[in-house]
Protein backbone atom coordinates (compact mmCIF):
# COMPACT_ATOMS: atom_id res chain seq x y z
CA UNK A 1 130.16 71.37 97.83
CA UNK A 2 133.51 72.78 98.95
CA UNK A 3 135.79 75.13 101.54
CA UNK A 4 139.07 76.78 100.67
CA UNK A 5 139.68 79.28 103.89
CA UNK A 6 142.62 79.88 105.11
CA UNK A 7 143.06 82.09 108.40
CA UNK A 8 146.59 83.08 109.43
CA UNK A 9 147.57 86.03 112.50
CA UNK A 10 151.73 86.21 111.89
CA UNK A 11 154.84 88.37 111.34
CA UNK A 12 155.20 89.97 108.04
CA UNK A 13 158.67 88.92 106.80
CA UNK A 14 159.44 91.77 104.39
CA UNK A 15 157.34 94.76 102.87
CA UNK A 16 154.60 94.34 100.36
CA UNK A 17 155.95 94.84 96.88
CA UNK A 18 152.90 96.04 95.10
CA UNK A 19 153.36 95.69 91.05
CA UNK A 20 150.24 96.39 88.84
CA UNK A 21 149.25 94.52 85.52
CA UNK A 22 149.21 96.12 82.43
CA UNK A 23 145.29 96.49 82.73
CA UNK A 24 145.91 98.84 86.13
CA UNK A 25 144.78 96.21 88.35
CA UNK A 26 147.57 96.23 91.76
CA UNK A 27 149.24 92.95 92.91
CA UNK A 28 150.58 92.82 96.13
CA UNK A 29 153.15 90.34 97.42
CA UNK A 30 154.61 89.43 100.89
CA UNK A 31 155.76 86.58 103.21
CA UNK A 32 154.00 85.93 106.74
CA UNK A 33 155.55 84.34 109.40
CA UNK A 34 153.39 82.19 111.69
CA UNK A 35 155.02 80.28 114.48
CA UNK A 36 154.38 77.39 117.33
CA UNK A 37 156.33 77.10 120.60
CA UNK A 38 156.25 73.50 122.31
CA UNK A 39 158.34 71.94 124.80
CA UNK A 40 160.06 68.57 123.78
CA UNK A 41 160.04 65.60 126.23
CA UNK A 42 163.82 66.47 127.09
CA UNK A 43 162.14 69.68 128.51
CA UNK A 44 163.53 72.06 125.56
CA UNK A 45 161.81 74.83 124.41
CA UNK A 46 161.25 74.48 120.70
CA UNK A 47 159.99 76.78 118.30
CA UNK A 48 159.05 75.86 114.32
CA UNK A 49 158.57 78.73 111.87
CA UNK A 50 156.12 78.25 108.72
CA UNK A 51 156.28 81.24 105.63
CA UNK A 52 153.50 81.72 103.64
CA UNK A 53 153.34 83.76 100.30
CA UNK A 54 150.56 86.33 100.79
CA UNK A 55 148.89 87.61 97.43
CA UNK A 56 146.47 90.89 97.47
CA UNK A 57 144.58 91.89 94.90
CA UNK A 58 143.08 95.24 93.74
CA UNK A 59 142.64 98.27 96.74
CA UNK A 60 143.30 94.69 99.04
CA UNK A 61 146.65 95.16 97.09
CA UNK A 62 146.82 99.12 97.15
CA UNK A 63 146.36 98.76 100.93
CA UNK A 64 149.09 96.13 101.45
CA UNK A 65 151.36 98.39 99.66
CA UNK A 66 151.22 101.06 102.55
CA UNK A 67 150.72 99.09 105.31
CA UNK A 68 152.76 95.94 105.24
CA UNK A 69 155.58 96.74 106.51
CA UNK A 70 158.46 94.02 107.62
CA UNK A 71 157.66 93.09 111.86
CA UNK A 72 154.33 93.86 111.66
CA UNK A 73 151.76 91.59 113.18
CA UNK A 74 148.77 91.05 110.83
CA UNK A 75 145.60 88.39 110.65
CA UNK A 76 144.52 87.16 106.98
CA UNK A 77 141.77 85.39 105.89
CA UNK A 78 141.88 84.16 102.17
CA UNK A 79 142.01 80.81 100.18
CA UNK A 80 144.68 78.23 99.31
CA UNK A 81 146.33 78.63 95.62
CA UNK A 82 148.45 76.30 93.93
CA UNK A 83 150.58 77.26 90.64
CA UNK A 84 153.61 76.46 88.95
CA UNK A 85 155.86 78.02 86.26
CA UNK A 86 159.16 77.14 84.27
CA UNK A 87 162.19 78.62 85.76
CA UNK A 88 165.14 80.21 83.56
CA UNK A 89 166.46 76.86 83.40
CA UNK A 90 163.49 75.38 82.27
CA UNK A 91 162.59 73.32 85.52
CA UNK A 92 159.50 73.07 86.76
CA UNK A 93 158.49 75.01 90.26
CA UNK A 94 155.62 74.83 92.52
CA UNK A 95 154.32 77.95 94.71
CA UNK A 96 151.90 77.32 96.95
CA UNK A 97 149.77 80.94 98.03
CA UNK A 98 147.53 82.43 99.66
CA UNK A 99 144.81 84.74 97.92
CA UNK A 100 143.76 87.26 100.65
CA UNK A 101 140.47 88.21 100.69
CA UNK A 102 140.85 90.48 104.27
CA UNK A 103 143.70 91.95 105.75
CA UNK A 104 143.82 93.67 109.46
CA UNK A 105 145.84 95.14 111.02
CA UNK A 106 146.94 93.98 114.85
CA UNK A 107 149.73 95.39 117.18
CA UNK A 108 151.84 98.10 116.86
CA UNK A 109 154.91 98.64 114.06
CA UNK A 110 158.22 99.43 115.69
CA UNK A 111 159.93 101.28 112.92
CA UNK A 112 163.08 103.84 112.64
CA UNK A 113 162.77 104.64 109.20
CA UNK A 114 161.36 108.07 107.70
CA UNK A 115 157.99 106.79 105.87
CA UNK A 116 157.73 104.15 108.23
CA UNK A 117 157.38 106.66 111.19
CA UNK A 118 154.77 108.53 109.49
CA UNK A 119 152.66 105.22 108.57
CA UNK A 120 152.85 104.11 112.06
CA UNK A 121 151.69 107.53 113.35
CA UNK A 122 148.78 107.29 111.05
CA UNK A 123 148.05 104.03 112.09
CA UNK A 124 148.28 104.37 115.95
CA UNK A 125 145.29 106.91 115.38
CA UNK A 126 143.28 103.51 114.01
CA UNK A 127 144.67 100.82 116.08
CA UNK A 128 142.78 98.15 114.46
CA UNK A 129 142.48 98.25 110.40
CA UNK A 130 140.61 95.66 108.48
CA UNK A 131 139.97 95.75 104.66
CA UNK A 132 138.15 93.17 102.64
CA UNK A 133 138.60 92.78 99.42
CA UNK A 134 135.05 92.40 97.52
CA UNK A 135 136.65 94.13 94.12
CA UNK A 136 138.60 90.18 93.57
CA UNK A 137 137.49 88.60 90.26
CA UNK A 138 137.75 85.17 90.02
CA UNK A 139 138.54 86.13 86.52
CA UNK A 140 141.98 87.10 87.29
CA UNK A 141 144.60 84.45 86.61
CA UNK A 142 148.07 83.84 88.49
CA UNK A 143 149.30 83.50 84.62
CA UNK A 144 148.86 87.27 84.32
CA UNK A 145 150.86 88.19 87.29
CA UNK A 146 153.92 89.89 86.07
CA UNK A 147 156.50 88.15 88.85
């Protein structure tokens, strides 16, 4: 038996980008920052931030494209995936991603852009929105991704 489960609460680093595979499946990607604050021996407050690459498939990918906006605080539950690819110069690159199974919006997003204002107004009607990705097919491969 093995367990591969990741739970993160953090702030979105950039709006979700949604792409569609040839078969019409939505795949969204975005970055999420988690921070830890501690006091060093000298009494100085230190903040460390880790950045995570999040990938959401199918209905969850569609949801992410609409609601995952830079600065918004979210809860993500999923599993860790590692993959590699060759860049344009032929160098092997390694990527660690979180394949999201659940995304929950937390708090309120402050925004001044037009579309963001409407989404924020819609969001405030339902202060907590959670989506579970039950349609994820384990047969979908990172090799099928256009990025």
